[in-house]
Amino acid sequence: MPYTQRLEKIIARTRQLSNKALTSESALKSAREENQKLKSEIDNQAHIIEDLNNKIKIIKLAHSFEGGEDISALKRKINEYIREIDNSIALLND
């Protein structure tokens, strides 16, 4: 096989590999972006779950005070939960 033909084959193969590398880099970048998006969504869902769990605690506490028990204790506990939620929101905003 003449030298020029071998060189042309090497150049063609190099171009193929270069194109595959570019395609792979693009796919990797896309996968990383999707990964970051999903991690962010997981964080958001975790915060929503935490807030809902706090609401459940408040509802359970309210049910435990039904029947005319100590309302001021209930108000204190609710205010405590609200402060915890506000602190959580402040931390999330930082």
C-alpha atoms as a PDB file:
ATOM      1  CA  MET A   1       0.000   0.000   0.000  1.00  0.00           C
ATOM      2  CA  PRO A   2       1.494   3.334  -1.002  1.00  0.00           C
ATOM      3  CA  TYR A   3       2.488   5.816   1.635  1.00  0.00           C
ATOM      4  CA  THR A   4      -0.141   8.420   0.616  1.00  0.00           C
ATOM      5  CA  GLN A   5      -2.987   5.906   0.867  1.00  0.00           C
ATOM      6  CA  ARG A   6      -1.877   4.867   4.342  1.00  0.00           C
ATOM      7  CA  LEU A   7      -1.623   8.495   5.367  1.00  0.00           C
ATOM      8  CA  GLU A   8      -5.133   9.216   3.993  1.00  0.00           C
ATOM      9  CA  LYS A   9      -6.526   6.254   5.965  1.00  0.00           C
ATOM     10  CA  ILE A  10      -4.832   7.490   9.124  1.00  0.00           C
ATOM     11  CA  ILE A  11      -6.225  10.989   8.574  1.00  0.00           C
ATOM     12  CA  ALA A  12      -9.731   9.603   7.937  1.00  0.00           C
ATOM     13  CA  ARG A  13      -9.565   7.429  11.054  1.00  0.00           C
ATOM     14  CA  THR A  14      -8.303  10.393  13.088  1.00  0.00           C
ATOM     15  CA  ARG A  15     -11.278  12.464  11.914  1.00  0.00           C
ATOM     16  CA  GLN A  16     -13.672   9.643  12.839  1.00  0.00           C
ATOM     17  CA  LEU A  17     -12.169   9.397  16.311  1.00  0.00           C
ATOM     18  CA  SER A  18     -12.262  13.162  16.704  1.00  0.00           C
ATOM     19  CA  ASN A  19     -15.950  13.222  15.767  1.00  0.00           C
ATOM     20  CA  LYS A  20     -16.703  10.402  18.201  1.00  0.00           C
ATOM     21  CA  ALA A  21     -14.836  12.280  20.928  1.00  0.00           C
ATOM     22  CA  LEU A  22     -16.881  15.426  20.285  1.00  0.00           C
ATOM     23  CA  THR A  23     -20.108  13.423  20.355  1.00  0.00           C
ATOM     24  CA  SER A  24     -19.060  11.745  23.592  1.00  0.00           C
ATOM     25  CA  GLU A  25     -18.152  15.077  25.183  1.00  0.00           C
ATOM     26  CA  SER A  26     -21.525  16.495  24.197  1.00  0.00           C
ATOM     27  CA  ALA A  27     -23.337  13.477  25.639  1.00  0.00           C
ATOM     28  CA  LEU A  28     -21.308  13.707  28.844  1.00  0.00           C
ATOM     29  CA  LYS A  29     -22.106  17.412  29.219  1.00  0.00           C
ATOM     30  CA  SER A  30     -25.790  16.696  28.694  1.00  0.00           C
ATOM     31  CA  ALA A  31     -25.712  13.871  31.246  1.00  0.00           C
ATOM     32  CA  ARG A  32     -23.980  16.100  33.795  1.00  0.00           C
ATOM     33  CA  GLU A  33     -26.584  18.827  33.309  1.00  0.00           C
ATOM     34  CA  GLU A  34     -29.390  16.302  33.746  1.00  0.00           C
ATOM     35  CA  ASN A  35     -27.669  14.925  36.849  1.00  0.00           C
ATOM     36  CA  GLN A  36     -27.434  18.409  38.365  1.00  0.00           C
ATOM     37  CA  LYS A  37     -31.084  19.082  37.537  1.00  0.00           C
ATOM     38  CA  LEU A  38     -32.154  15.842  39.222  1.00  0.00           C
ATOM     39  CA  LYS A  39     -30.039  16.569  42.308  1.00  0.00           C
ATOM     40  CA  SER A  40     -31.685  19.964  42.586  1.00  0.00           C
ATOM     41  CA  GLU A  41     -35.117  18.360  42.273  1.00  0.00           C
ATOM     42  CA  ILE A  42     -34.229  15.852  45.002  1.00  0.00           C
ATOM     43  CA  ASP A  43     -33.201  18.714  47.296  1.00  0.00           C
ATOM     44  CA  ASN A  44     -36.454  20.551  46.596  1.00  0.00           C
ATOM     45  CA  GLN A  45     -38.493  17.424  47.273  1.00  0.00           C
ATOM     46  CA  ALA A  46     -36.608  16.824  50.529  1.00  0.00           C
ATOM     47  CA  HIS A  47     -37.482  20.343  51.699  1.00  0.00           C
ATOM     48  CA  ILE A  48     -41.117  19.842  50.759  1.00  0.00           C
ATOM     49  CA  ILE A  49     -41.179  16.578  52.690  1.00  0.00           C
ATOM     50  CA  GLU A  50     -39.631  18.266  55.718  1.00  0.00           C
ATOM     51  CA  ASP A  51     -42.247  21.034  55.621  1.00  0.00           C
ATOM     52  CA  LEU A  52     -45.052  18.497  55.283  1.00  0.00           C
ATOM     53  CA  ASN A  53     -43.692  16.491  58.205  1.00  0.00           C
ATOM     54  CA  ASN A  54     -43.699  19.674  60.291  1.00  0.00           C
ATOM     55  CA  LYS A  55     -47.312  20.306  59.306  1.00  0.00           C
ATOM     56  CA  ILE A  56     -48.186  16.753  60.302  1.00  0.00           C
ATOM     57  CA  LYS A  57     -46.618  17.349  63.705  1.00  0.00           C
ATOM     58  CA  ILE A  58     -48.681  20.507  64.125  1.00  0.00           C
ATOM     59  CA  ILE A  59     -51.879  18.722  63.134  1.00  0.00           C
ATOM     60  CA  LYS A  60     -51.166  15.837  65.510  1.00  0.00           C
ATOM     61  CA  LEU A  61     -50.444  18.305  68.275  1.00  0.00           C
ATOM     62  CA  ALA A  62     -53.663  20.181  67.538  1.00  0.00           C
ATOM     63  CA  HIS A  63     -55.636  16.929  67.693  1.00  0.00           C
ATOM     64  CA  SER A  64     -54.059  16.079  71.016  1.00  0.00           C
ATOM     65  CA  PHE A  65     -55.336  19.368  72.446  1.00  0.00           C
ATOM     66  CA  GLU A  66     -58.898  18.901  71.250  1.00  0.00           C
ATOM     67  CA  GLY A  67     -61.383  18.762  74.038  1.00  0.00           C
ATOM     68  CA  GLY A  68     -60.485  22.041  75.745  1.00  0.00           C
ATOM     69  CA  GLU A  69     -57.007  21.230  76.999  1.00  0.00           C
ATOM     70  CA  ASP A  70     -54.307  23.870  77.492  1.00  0.00           C
ATOM     71  CA  ILE A  71     -54.637  26.197  74.471  1.00  0.00           C
ATOM     72  CA  SER A  72     -51.680  28.391  75.469  1.00  0.00           C
ATOM     73  CA  ALA A  73     -49.371  25.349  75.353  1.00  0.00           C
ATOM     74  CA  LEU A  74     -50.687  24.592  71.876  1.00  0.00           C
ATOM     75  CA  LYS A  75     -50.035  28.175  70.763  1.00  0.00           C
ATOM     76  CA  ARG A  76     -46.484  28.033  72.140  1.00  0.00           C
ATOM     77  CA  LYS A  77     -45.796  24.752  70.348  1.00  0.00           C
ATOM     78  CA  ILE A  78     -47.220  26.075  67.064  1.00  0.00           C
ATOM     79  CA  ASN A  79     -45.108  29.229  67.371  1.00  0.00           C
ATOM     80  CA  GLU A  80     -42.062  27.039  68.024  1.00  0.00           C
ATOM     81  CA  TYR A  81     -42.760  25.058  64.846  1.00  0.00           C
ATOM     82  CA  ILE A  82     -43.283  28.262  62.876  1.00  0.00           C
ATOM     83  CA  ARG A  83     -39.911  29.588  64.104  1.00  0.00           C
ATOM     84  CA  GLU A  84     -38.258  26.294  63.051  1.00  0.00           C
ATOM     85  CA  ILE A  85     -39.855  26.549  59.610  1.00  0.00           C
ATOM     86  CA  ASP A  86     -38.793  30.205  59.293  1.00  0.00           C
ATOM     87  CA  ASN A  87     -35.234  29.269  60.276  1.00  0.00           C
ATOM     88  CA  SER A  88     -35.244  26.479  57.680  1.00  0.00           C
ATOM     89  CA  ILE A  89     -36.460  28.854  55.004  1.00  0.00           C
ATOM     90  CA  ALA A  90     -33.807  31.420  55.979  1.00  0.00           C
ATOM     91  CA  LEU A  91     -31.106  28.751  55.714  1.00  0.00           C
ATOM     92  CA  LEU A  92     -32.410  27.699  52.304  1.00  0.00           C
ATOM     93  CA  ASN A  93     -32.274  31.286  51.074  1.00  0.00           C
ATOM     94  CA  ASP A  94     -28.612  31.658  52.090  1.00  0.00           C
END
